[in-house]
Amino acid sequence: MASYQKVILLAFFSLCLILGYSNAGKIAIYWGQNRNEGTLAETCATKDYNFVNIAFLPTFGNGQTPIINLAGHCDPYTNGCTNLSADIKSCQAKGIKVMLSIGGGAGSYYLTSSEDARQVATYLWKNFLGGKSSSRPLGNAVLDGIDFDIEGGTNQHWDDLARYLSAYSNKGKKVYLTAAPQCPFPDAWIGNALQTGLFDIVWVQFYNNPPCQYSSGMNNLEQAWKQWNSIPASEIFLGLPASPEAAGSGFVPANDLTSQILPAIKGSAKYGGVMLWSKYYDDQSGYSASIKNDV
């Protein structure tokens, strides 16, 4: 009987491997804030990333005309970013999910009411997702979802925006929702929104936050990681700078990540992988290439 059970278990684990049910993590990258980081198509051609967040849409809400800012990659004022449509489709053809990241560390964004949130959601749906508009900034490519990188403004109505965006999944293609909160728990800006259970992936910024980043010790990082795993999201990613120059603090040498941090967190049921800021800095350090077999 014991021998029979062993055979069944071996068959089960073999099936898991065949179907890809392993604890292998994924890598997410932010692209768009340095013109010297290569094109979006080149980014996806590296095969180092599973998610690419196009950064940023830093102006929206309170009746403002939404404006995308891709830092020299293209000029949205002359419809110069519509050429990115082919790059987006190229990424998606490789199985890479491409998100639009709204917010960022600098910008003019906040929501004044639930109705304001609804209007922003409608704009995002028509101009970047599955809706239709005559003025789609990135052309006719349909992005996979919206990333909330909210680091300012107010903490109001982000839950409303998530609900309105999520409802568009009922119109066909799923609208993925992701977020990049700071590691102190709960996040000061979108902590309430993350409790809605509508976010698929949360990549937590374990940098520029000394109380919970690796430089303050594994105990602090592990405690914060456990807190973040309590939220109702499908996957949690460890967010890190891709080089020492990419952030004010929080860079983790690749060897420390693979030998100290990942062994401590990969057993988490919600472990999803590693998020890196950003493509430009990853180009300089080769960080993602050095860790991808261990993530």
C-alpha atoms as a PDB file:
ATOM      1  CA  MET A   1       0.000   0.000   0.000  1.00  0.00           C
ATOM      2  CA  ALA A   2       2.818   2.385   0.914  1.00  0.00           C
ATOM      3  CA  SER A   3       4.512   1.637  -2.401  1.00  0.00           C
ATOM      4  CA  TYR A   4       1.284   2.369  -4.273  1.00  0.00           C
ATOM      5  CA  GLN A   5       0.945   5.716  -2.460  1.00  0.00           C
ATOM      6  CA  LYS A   6       4.499   6.637  -3.436  1.00  0.00           C
ATOM      7  CA  VAL A   7       3.695   5.943  -7.079  1.00  0.00           C
ATOM      8  CA  ILE A   8       0.595   8.139  -6.871  1.00  0.00           C
ATOM      9  CA  LEU A   9       2.573  10.970  -5.233  1.00  0.00           C
ATOM     10  CA  LEU A  10       5.337  10.749  -7.829  1.00  0.00           C
ATOM     11  CA  ALA A  11       2.756  10.850 -10.599  1.00  0.00           C
ATOM     12  CA  PHE A  12       1.099  13.881  -9.004  1.00  0.00           C
ATOM     13  CA  PHE A  13       4.351  15.827  -8.655  1.00  0.00           C
ATOM     14  CA  SER A  14       5.321  14.941 -12.210  1.00  0.00           C
ATOM     15  CA  LEU A  15       1.971  16.265 -13.430  1.00  0.00           C
ATOM     16  CA  CYS A  16       2.505  19.451 -11.432  1.00  0.00           C
ATOM     17  CA  LEU A  17       5.842  19.998 -13.117  1.00  0.00           C
ATOM     18  CA  ILE A  18       4.378  19.354 -16.557  1.00  0.00           C
ATOM     19  CA  LEU A  19       1.548  21.827 -15.949  1.00  0.00           C
ATOM     20  CA  GLY A  20       3.870  24.398 -14.450  1.00  0.00           C
ATOM     21  CA  TYR A  21       2.518  24.229 -10.904  1.00  0.00           C
ATOM     22  CA  SER A  22       5.798  25.025  -9.228  1.00  0.00           C
ATOM     23  CA  ASN A  23       6.877  27.683  -6.783  1.00  0.00           C
ATOM     24  CA  ALA A  24       8.862  29.383  -9.522  1.00  0.00           C
ATOM     25  CA  GLY A  25       8.395  33.107  -9.291  1.00  0.00           C
ATOM     26  CA  LYS A  26       8.089  35.793 -11.926  1.00  0.00           C
ATOM     27  CA  ILE A  27       9.809  39.124 -12.528  1.00  0.00           C
ATOM     28  CA  ALA A  28       8.034  42.430 -13.099  1.00  0.00           C
ATOM     29  CA  ILE A  29       9.789  45.550 -14.407  1.00  0.00           C
ATOM     30  CA  TYR A  30       8.892  49.215 -14.762  1.00  0.00           C
ATOM     31  CA  TRP A  31       9.648  50.731 -18.160  1.00  0.00           C
ATOM     32  CA  GLY A  32       9.152  54.235 -19.492  1.00  0.00           C
ATOM     33  CA  GLN A  33      11.057  56.678 -17.306  1.00  0.00           C
ATOM     34  CA  ASN A  34      14.417  56.795 -19.102  1.00  0.00           C
ATOM     35  CA  ARG A  35      14.842  57.117 -22.848  1.00  0.00           C
ATOM     36  CA  ASN A  36      18.163  55.235 -22.616  1.00  0.00           C
ATOM     37  CA  GLU A  37      16.574  51.980 -21.439  1.00  0.00           C
ATOM     38  CA  GLY A  38      15.755  50.646 -24.901  1.00  0.00           C
ATOM     39  CA  THR A  39      12.368  50.179 -26.520  1.00  0.00           C
ATOM     40  CA  LEU A  40       9.446  48.313 -25.061  1.00  0.00           C
ATOM     41  CA  ALA A  41       9.872  45.583 -27.691  1.00  0.00           C
ATOM     42  CA  GLU A  42      13.546  45.220 -26.776  1.00  0.00           C
ATOM     43  CA  THR A  43      12.598  45.001 -23.114  1.00  0.00           C
ATOM     44  CA  CYS A  44      10.305  42.070 -23.763  1.00  0.00           C
ATOM     45  CA  ALA A  45      12.775  40.422 -26.158  1.00  0.00           C
ATOM     46  CA  THR A  46      15.211  39.898 -23.267  1.00  0.00           C
ATOM     47  CA  LYS A  47      12.881  37.185 -21.924  1.00  0.00           C
ATOM     48  CA  ASP A  48      13.800  38.337 -18.412  1.00  0.00           C
ATOM     49  CA  TYR A  49      10.357  39.695 -17.509  1.00  0.00           C
ATOM     50  CA  ASN A  50       6.832  38.352 -17.085  1.00  0.00           C
ATOM     51  CA  PHE A  51       5.194  41.735 -16.480  1.00  0.00           C
ATOM     52  CA  VAL A  52       6.055  45.174 -17.842  1.00  0.00           C
ATOM     53  CA  ASN A  53       4.528  48.235 -16.217  1.00  0.00           C
ATOM     54  CA  ILE A  54       4.465  51.229 -18.577  1.00  0.00           C
ATOM     55  CA  ALA A  55       5.236  54.230 -16.370  1.00  0.00           C
ATOM     56  CA  PHE A  56       3.483  56.590 -15.905  1.00  0.00           C
ATOM     57  CA  LEU A  57       0.117  58.248 -16.294  1.00  0.00           C
ATOM     58  CA  PRO A  58       0.910  60.915 -13.657  1.00  0.00           C
ATOM     59  CA  THR A  59      -1.886  63.404 -14.346  1.00  0.00           C
ATOM     60  CA  PHE A  60      -5.556  62.519 -13.867  1.00  0.00           C
ATOM     61  CA  GLY A  61      -8.530  63.065 -11.591  1.00  0.00           C
ATOM     62  CA  ASN A  62     -10.369  66.176 -10.362  1.00  0.00           C
ATOM     63  CA  GLY A  63     -11.386  67.067 -13.908  1.00  0.00           C
ATOM     64  CA  GLN A  64      -7.816  67.248 -15.206  1.00  0.00           C
ATOM     65  CA  THR A  65      -7.050  66.124 -18.735  1.00  0.00           C
ATOM     66  CA  PRO A  66      -5.122  62.860 -18.256  1.00  0.00           C
ATOM     67  CA  ILE A  67      -1.568  62.997 -19.625  1.00  0.00           C
ATOM     68  CA  ILE A  68       0.886  60.133 -20.061  1.00  0.00           C
ATOM     69  CA  ASN A  69       4.581  60.846 -19.490  1.00  0.00           C
ATOM     70  CA  LEU A  70       7.129  58.413 -20.917  1.00  0.00           C
ATOM     71  CA  ALA A  71      10.190  60.598 -20.299  1.00  0.00           C
ATOM     72  CA  GLY A  72      11.533  61.051 -23.795  1.00  0.00           C
ATOM     73  CA  HIS A  73      10.447  57.757 -25.332  1.00  0.00           C
ATOM     74  CA  CYS A  74       7.722  59.567 -27.243  1.00  0.00           C
ATOM     75  CA  ASP A  75       5.707  62.774 -27.284  1.00  0.00           C
ATOM     76  CA  PRO A  76       2.045  62.248 -26.347  1.00  0.00           C
ATOM     77  CA  TYR A  77       1.159  65.809 -27.373  1.00  0.00           C
ATOM     78  CA  THR A  78       1.811  64.934 -31.031  1.00  0.00           C
ATOM     79  CA  ASN A  79       0.348  61.416 -30.800  1.00  0.00           C
ATOM     80  CA  GLY A  80       3.918  60.168 -30.927  1.00  0.00           C
ATOM     81  CA  CYS A  81       3.273  57.326 -28.479  1.00  0.00           C
ATOM     82  CA  THR A  82       0.758  55.512 -30.677  1.00  0.00           C
ATOM     83  CA  ASN A  83       3.676  53.682 -32.302  1.00  0.00           C
ATOM     84  CA  LEU A  84       4.043  51.747 -29.047  1.00  0.00           C
ATOM     85  CA  SER A  85       1.019  49.689 -30.046  1.00  0.00           C
ATOM     86  CA  ALA A  86       3.160  47.292 -32.103  1.00  0.00           C
ATOM     87  CA  ASP A  87       5.612  46.889 -29.203  1.00  0.00           C
ATOM     88  CA  ILE A  88       2.797  46.146 -26.758  1.00  0.00           C
ATOM     89  CA  LYS A  89       1.383  43.477 -29.054  1.00  0.00           C
ATOM     90  CA  SER A  90       4.858  42.009 -29.496  1.00  0.00           C
ATOM     91  CA  CYS A  91       5.230  41.692 -25.726  1.00  0.00           C
ATOM     92  CA  GLN A  92       1.787  40.140 -25.317  1.00  0.00           C
ATOM     93  CA  ALA A  93       2.523  37.635 -28.098  1.00  0.00           C
ATOM     94  CA  LYS A  94       5.399  36.412 -25.898  1.00  0.00           C
ATOM     95  CA  GLY A  95       3.019  35.865 -22.980  1.00  0.00           C
ATOM     96  CA  ILE A  96       4.123  39.020 -21.176  1.00  0.00           C
ATOM     97  CA  LYS A  97       1.421  41.071 -19.485  1.00  0.00           C
ATOM     98  CA  VAL A  98       1.695  44.808 -20.150  1.00  0.00           C
ATOM     99  CA  MET A  99       0.141  47.196 -17.643  1.00  0.00           C
ATOM    100  CA  LEU A 100      -0.321  50.952 -17.509  1.00  0.00           C
ATOM    101  CA  SER A 101       1.005  52.319 -14.226  1.00  0.00           C
ATOM    102  CA  ILE A 102      -0.916  55.327 -12.947  1.00  0.00           C
ATOM    103  CA  GLY A 103       0.480  57.752 -10.387  1.00  0.00           C
ATOM    104  CA  GLY A 104       4.185  57.594  -9.621  1.00  0.00           C
ATOM    105  CA  GLY A 105       6.455  59.495  -7.279  1.00  0.00           C
ATOM    106  CA  ALA A 106       5.770  62.841  -8.955  1.00  0.00           C
ATOM    107  CA  GLY A 107       2.613  64.036 -10.615  1.00  0.00           C
ATOM    108  CA  SER A 108      -0.773  65.636 -10.205  1.00  0.00           C
ATOM    109  CA  TYR A 109      -3.323  62.995  -9.378  1.00  0.00           C
ATOM    110  CA  TYR A 110      -6.113  62.535  -6.891  1.00  0.00           C
ATOM    111  CA  LEU A 111      -9.755  61.550  -6.835  1.00  0.00           C
ATOM    112  CA  THR A 112     -12.355  63.883  -5.379  1.00  0.00           C
ATOM    113  CA  SER A 113     -15.378  61.571  -5.327  1.00  0.00           C
ATOM    114  CA  SER A 114     -16.755  58.221  -6.397  1.00  0.00           C
ATOM    115  CA  GLU A 115     -18.043  59.909  -9.549  1.00  0.00           C
ATOM    116  CA  ASP A 116     -14.553  61.244 -10.258  1.00  0.00           C
ATOM    117  CA  ALA A 117     -13.241  57.686  -9.881  1.00  0.00           C
ATOM    118  CA  ARG A 118     -15.902  56.437 -12.297  1.00  0.00           C
ATOM    119  CA  GLN A 119     -14.913  59.033 -14.887  1.00  0.00           C
ATOM    120  CA  VAL A 120     -11.205  58.103 -14.579  1.00  0.00           C
ATOM    121  CA  ALA A 121     -12.084  54.422 -14.932  1.00  0.00           C
ATOM    122  CA  THR A 122     -14.124  55.188 -18.057  1.00  0.00           C
ATOM    123  CA  TYR A 123     -11.203  57.137 -19.514  1.00  0.00           C
ATOM    124  CA  LEU A 124      -8.764  54.299 -18.810  1.00  0.00           C
ATOM    125  CA  TRP A 125     -11.138  51.732 -20.301  1.00  0.00           C
ATOM    126  CA  LYS A 126     -11.734  53.692 -23.491  1.00  0.00           C
ATOM    127  CA  ASN A 127      -8.162  54.857 -24.022  1.00  0.00           C
ATOM    128  CA  PHE A 128      -5.942  51.998 -22.813  1.00  0.00           C
ATOM    129  CA  LEU A 129      -8.085  48.911 -22.240  1.00  0.00           C
ATOM    130  CA  GLY A 130     -10.867  47.249 -24.213  1.00  0.00           C
ATOM    131  CA  GLY A 131     -12.984  50.297 -24.981  1.00  0.00           C
ATOM    132  CA  LYS A 132     -12.892  52.568 -27.999  1.00  0.00           C
ATOM    133  CA  SER A 133     -11.718  56.137 -28.401  1.00  0.00           C
ATOM    134  CA  SER A 134     -10.454  58.307 -31.249  1.00  0.00           C
ATOM    135  CA  SER A 135      -7.527  59.462 -29.115  1.00  0.00           C
ATOM    136  CA  ARG A 136      -5.893  56.352 -27.654  1.00  0.00           C
ATOM    137  CA  PRO A 137      -2.416  57.547 -26.519  1.00  0.00           C
ATOM    138  CA  LEU A 138      -0.741  54.166 -27.094  1.00  0.00           C
ATOM    139  CA  GLY A 139      -2.639  53.238 -30.209  1.00  0.00           C
ATOM    140  CA  ASN A 140      -5.081  50.362 -30.646  1.00  0.00           C
ATOM    141  CA  ALA A 141      -3.253  47.801 -28.501  1.00  0.00           C
ATOM    142  CA  VAL A 142      -5.321  46.637 -25.530  1.00  0.00           C
ATOM    143  CA  LEU A 143      -3.307  46.650 -22.319  1.00  0.00           C
ATOM    144  CA  ASP A 144      -3.748  43.861 -19.790  1.00  0.00           C
ATOM    145  CA  GLY A 145      -4.628  46.086 -16.876  1.00  0.00           C
ATOM    146  CA  ILE A 146      -3.875  49.000 -14.588  1.00  0.00           C
ATOM    147  CA  ASP A 147      -1.136  49.285 -11.974  1.00  0.00           C
ATOM    148  CA  PHE A 148      -1.771  51.594  -9.003  1.00  0.00           C
ATOM    149  CA  ASP A 149       1.509  53.283  -8.012  1.00  0.00           C
ATOM    150  CA  ILE A 150      -0.104  55.812  -5.728  1.00  0.00           C
ATOM    151  CA  GLU A 151       2.434  57.784  -3.719  1.00  0.00           C
ATOM    152  CA  GLY A 152       0.677  61.103  -3.193  1.00  0.00           C
ATOM    153  CA  GLY A 153      -2.527  63.062  -3.488  1.00  0.00           C
ATOM    154  CA  THR A 154      -5.056  61.640  -1.033  1.00  0.00           C
ATOM    155  CA  ASN A 155      -6.045  58.169   0.141  1.00  0.00           C
ATOM    156  CA  GLN A 156      -9.654  58.613  -0.941  1.00  0.00           C
ATOM    157  CA  HIS A 157     -11.672  56.745  -3.611  1.00  0.00           C
ATOM    158  CA  TRP A 158      -8.929  54.398  -4.873  1.00  0.00           C
ATOM    159  CA  ASP A 159     -11.220  51.559  -3.798  1.00  0.00           C
ATOM    160  CA  ASP A 160     -13.952  53.072  -5.998  1.00  0.00           C
ATOM    161  CA  LEU A 161     -11.550  53.245  -8.945  1.00  0.00           C
ATOM    162  CA  ALA A 162     -10.623  49.589  -8.428  1.00  0.00           C
ATOM    163  CA  ARG A 163     -14.302  48.575  -8.379  1.00  0.00           C
ATOM    164  CA  TYR A 164     -15.160  50.478 -11.538  1.00  0.00           C
ATOM    165  CA  LEU A 165     -12.131  49.102 -13.394  1.00  0.00           C
ATOM    166  CA  SER A 166     -12.755  45.556 -12.210  1.00  0.00           C
ATOM    167  CA  ALA A 167     -16.333  45.725 -13.471  1.00  0.00           C
ATOM    168  CA  TYR A 168     -15.028  46.103 -17.023  1.00  0.00           C
ATOM    169  CA  SER A 169     -13.781  42.516 -16.843  1.00  0.00           C
ATOM    170  CA  ASN A 170     -17.415  41.568 -17.404  1.00  0.00           C
ATOM    171  CA  LYS A 171     -17.181  43.009 -20.918  1.00  0.00           C
ATOM    172  CA  GLY A 172     -14.738  40.359 -22.159  1.00  0.00           C
ATOM    173  CA  LYS A 173     -10.984  40.411 -21.579  1.00  0.00           C
ATOM    174  CA  LYS A 174     -10.056  40.398 -17.908  1.00  0.00           C
ATOM    175  CA  VAL A 175      -8.765  43.699 -16.549  1.00  0.00           C
ATOM    176  CA  TYR A 176      -5.866  42.891 -14.226  1.00  0.00           C
ATOM    177  CA  LEU A 177      -5.324  45.185 -11.270  1.00  0.00           C
ATOM    178  CA  THR A 178      -1.924  45.480  -9.601  1.00  0.00           C
ATOM    179  CA  ALA A 179      -0.472  47.877  -7.048  1.00  0.00           C
ATOM    180  CA  ALA A 180       2.888  49.035  -5.724  1.00  0.00           C
ATOM    181  CA  PRO A 181       2.412  50.101  -2.091  1.00  0.00           C
ATOM    182  CA  GLN A 182       5.228  51.002   0.303  1.00  0.00           C
ATOM    183  CA  CYS A 183       6.282  48.223   2.683  1.00  0.00           C
ATOM    184  CA  PRO A 184       5.145  49.857   5.978  1.00  0.00           C
ATOM    185  CA  PHE A 185       1.816  48.131   6.618  1.00  0.00           C
ATOM    186  CA  PRO A 186      -0.876  49.180   5.883  1.00  0.00           C
ATOM    187  CA  ASP A 187      -0.017  51.506   3.009  1.00  0.00           C
ATOM    188  CA  ALA A 188      -0.895  55.131   3.754  1.00  0.00           C
ATOM    189  CA  TRP A 189      -2.320  55.808   0.309  1.00  0.00           C
ATOM    190  CA  ILE A 190      -4.085  52.691  -0.962  1.00  0.00           C
ATOM    191  CA  GLY A 191      -4.298  50.510   2.138  1.00  0.00           C
ATOM    192  CA  ASN A 192      -8.103  50.617   2.084  1.00  0.00           C
ATOM    193  CA  ALA A 193      -8.318  49.854  -1.637  1.00  0.00           C
ATOM    194  CA  LEU A 194      -6.131  46.784  -1.195  1.00  0.00           C
ATOM    195  CA  GLN A 195      -8.701  45.335   1.203  1.00  0.00           C
ATOM    196  CA  THR A 196     -11.339  45.136  -1.549  1.00  0.00           C
ATOM    197  CA  GLY A 197      -9.997  41.802  -2.804  1.00  0.00           C
ATOM    198  CA  LEU A 198      -9.976  43.177  -6.363  1.00  0.00           C
ATOM    199  CA  PHE A 199      -6.196  43.319  -6.836  1.00  0.00           C
ATOM    200  CA  ASP A 200      -4.591  40.353  -8.548  1.00  0.00           C
ATOM    201  CA  ILE A 201      -0.982  41.182  -7.729  1.00  0.00           C
ATOM    202  CA  VAL A 202       0.616  43.524  -5.209  1.00  0.00           C
ATOM    203  CA  TRP A 203       4.321  44.291  -5.649  1.00  0.00           C
ATOM    204  CA  VAL A 204       5.387  45.873  -2.399  1.00  0.00           C
ATOM    205  CA  GLN A 205       8.185  48.448  -2.445  1.00  0.00           C
ATOM    206  CA  PHE A 206      10.749  47.127   0.017  1.00  0.00           C
ATOM    207  CA  TYR A 207      12.991  50.123  -0.648  1.00  0.00           C
ATOM    208  CA  ASN A 208      13.188  53.778   0.403  1.00  0.00           C
ATOM    209  CA  ASN A 209      11.515  52.483   3.569  1.00  0.00           C
ATOM    210  CA  PRO A 210      14.244  51.670   6.154  1.00  0.00           C
ATOM    211  CA  PRO A 211      11.888  50.254   8.826  1.00  0.00           C
ATOM    212  CA  CYS A 212      10.951  47.246   6.669  1.00  0.00           C
ATOM    213  CA  GLN A 213      13.685  46.850   4.068  1.00  0.00           C
ATOM    214  CA  TYR A 214      16.510  44.322   4.118  1.00  0.00           C
ATOM    215  CA  SER A 215      19.143  46.804   5.294  1.00  0.00           C
ATOM    216  CA  SER A 216      17.339  46.943   8.647  1.00  0.00           C
ATOM    217  CA  GLY A 217      17.591  43.172   9.060  1.00  0.00           C
ATOM    218  CA  MET A 218      15.760  40.049   7.981  1.00  0.00           C
ATOM    219  CA  ASN A 219      13.406  40.125  10.975  1.00  0.00           C
ATOM    220  CA  ASN A 220      11.903  43.459   9.932  1.00  0.00           C
ATOM    221  CA  LEU A 221      11.535  42.391   6.320  1.00  0.00           C
ATOM    222  CA  GLU A 222       9.986  39.044   7.223  1.00  0.00           C
ATOM    223  CA  GLN A 223       7.521  40.675   9.603  1.00  0.00           C
ATOM    224  CA  ALA A 224       6.399  43.119   6.922  1.00  0.00           C
ATOM    225  CA  TRP A 225       6.220  40.300   4.358  1.00  0.00           C
ATOM    226  CA  LYS A 226       3.897  38.318   6.634  1.00  0.00           C
ATOM    227  CA  GLN A 227       1.667  41.363   7.097  1.00  0.00           C
ATOM    228  CA  TRP A 228       1.411  41.908   3.360  1.00  0.00           C
ATOM    229  CA  ASN A 229       0.515  38.271   2.817  1.00  0.00           C
ATOM    230  CA  SER A 230      -2.606  38.873   4.916  1.00  0.00           C
ATOM    231  CA  ILE A 231      -4.290  41.068   2.324  1.00  0.00           C
ATOM    232  CA  PRO A 232      -6.855  39.558  -0.091  1.00  0.00           C
ATOM    233  CA  ALA A 233      -4.651  39.545  -3.208  1.00  0.00           C
ATOM    234  CA  SER A 234      -3.723  36.521  -5.304  1.00  0.00           C
ATOM    235  CA  GLU A 235       0.029  37.162  -5.352  1.00  0.00           C
ATOM    236  CA  ILE A 236       2.563  39.289  -3.489  1.00  0.00           C
ATOM    237  CA  PHE A 237       5.855  40.330  -5.093  1.00  0.00           C
ATOM    238  CA  LEU A 238       9.001  41.588  -3.376  1.00  0.00           C
ATOM    239  CA  GLY A 239       9.749  45.018  -4.857  1.00  0.00           C
ATOM    240  CA  LEU A 240      13.425  46.024  -5.077  1.00  0.00           C
ATOM    241  CA  PRO A 241      15.659  48.559  -6.835  1.00  0.00           C
ATOM    242  CA  ALA A 242      17.566  46.994  -9.734  1.00  0.00           C
ATOM    243  CA  SER A 243      20.787  48.770  -8.782  1.00  0.00           C
ATOM    244  CA  PRO A 244      22.153  50.851  -5.876  1.00  0.00           C
ATOM    245  CA  GLU A 245      21.508  54.013  -7.921  1.00  0.00           C
ATOM    246  CA  ALA A 246      17.846  53.139  -8.531  1.00  0.00           C
ATOM    247  CA  ALA A 247      16.686  54.173  -5.056  1.00  0.00           C
ATOM    248  CA  GLY A 248      17.775  56.151  -2.039  1.00  0.00           C
ATOM    249  CA  SER A 249      18.029  52.958   0.009  1.00  0.00           C
ATOM    250  CA  GLY A 250      16.994  49.325  -0.037  1.00  0.00           C
ATOM    251  CA  PHE A 251      19.212  47.792  -2.723  1.00  0.00           C
ATOM    252  CA  VAL A 252      19.876  44.100  -2.030  1.00  0.00           C
ATOM    253  CA  PRO A 253      22.921  42.410  -3.595  1.00  0.00           C
ATOM    254  CA  ALA A 254      21.829  39.504  -5.785  1.00  0.00           C
ATOM    255  CA  ASN A 255      23.652  36.975  -3.618  1.00  0.00           C
ATOM    256  CA  ASP A 256      21.860  38.185  -0.484  1.00  0.00           C
ATOM    257  CA  LEU A 257      18.528  38.000  -2.269  1.00  0.00           C
ATOM    258  CA  THR A 258      19.034  34.439  -3.467  1.00  0.00           C
ATOM    259  CA  SER A 259      20.729  33.093  -0.335  1.00  0.00           C
ATOM    260  CA  GLN A 260      18.912  34.950   2.452  1.00  0.00           C
ATOM    261  CA  ILE A 261      15.620  36.549   1.432  1.00  0.00           C
ATOM    262  CA  LEU A 262      14.104  34.235  -1.164  1.00  0.00           C
ATOM    263  CA  PRO A 263      14.569  31.055   0.909  1.00  0.00           C
ATOM    264  CA  ALA A 264      12.674  32.806   3.720  1.00  0.00           C
ATOM    265  CA  ILE A 265       9.704  34.020   1.664  1.00  0.00           C
ATOM    266  CA  LYS A 266       9.259  31.631  -1.262  1.00  0.00           C
ATOM    267  CA  GLY A 267       7.324  29.195   0.893  1.00  0.00           C
ATOM    268  CA  SER A 268       4.534  31.738   1.288  1.00  0.00           C
ATOM    269  CA  ALA A 269       1.327  30.656  -0.394  1.00  0.00           C
ATOM    270  CA  LYS A 270       0.996  34.048  -2.094  1.00  0.00           C
ATOM    271  CA  TYR A 271       4.624  34.424  -3.180  1.00  0.00           C
ATOM    272  CA  GLY A 272       4.637  35.649  -6.771  1.00  0.00           C
ATOM    273  CA  GLY A 273       8.164  36.797  -7.503  1.00  0.00           C
ATOM    274  CA  VAL A 274      10.226  39.983  -7.635  1.00  0.00           C
ATOM    275  CA  MET A 275       9.403  43.452  -8.978  1.00  0.00           C
ATOM    276  CA  LEU A 276      12.272  45.703 -10.070  1.00  0.00           C
ATOM    277  CA  TRP A 277      12.627  49.444 -10.526  1.00  0.00           C
ATOM    278  CA  SER A 278      13.487  49.939 -13.321  1.00  0.00           C
ATOM    279  CA  LYS A 279      14.485  48.750 -16.816  1.00  0.00           C
ATOM    280  CA  TYR A 280      17.165  51.432 -17.155  1.00  0.00           C
ATOM    281  CA  TYR A 281      18.849  50.437 -13.900  1.00  0.00           C
ATOM    282  CA  ASP A 282      18.471  46.754 -14.686  1.00  0.00           C
ATOM    283  CA  ASP A 283      20.358  47.382 -17.917  1.00  0.00           C
ATOM    284  CA  GLN A 284      23.219  48.867 -15.919  1.00  0.00           C
ATOM    285  CA  SER A 285      23.403  46.083 -13.328  1.00  0.00           C
ATOM    286  CA  GLY A 286      22.147  42.961 -15.095  1.00  0.00           C
ATOM    287  CA  TYR A 287      20.214  42.255 -11.904  1.00  0.00           C
ATOM    288  CA  SER A 288      17.227  40.410 -13.384  1.00  0.00           C
ATOM    289  CA  ALA A 289      19.427  38.131 -15.459  1.00  0.00           C
ATOM    290  CA  SER A 290      21.444  37.235 -12.366  1.00  0.00           C
ATOM    291  CA  ILE A 291      18.421  36.265 -10.261  1.00  0.00           C
ATOM    292  CA  LYS A 292      15.833  34.906 -12.700  1.00  0.00           C
ATOM    293  CA  ASN A 293      16.810  31.250 -12.225  1.00  0.00           C
ATOM    294  CA  ASP A 294      16.383  31.589  -8.452  1.00  0.00           C
ATOM    295  CA  VAL A 295      13.212  33.676  -8.293  1.00  0.00           C
END
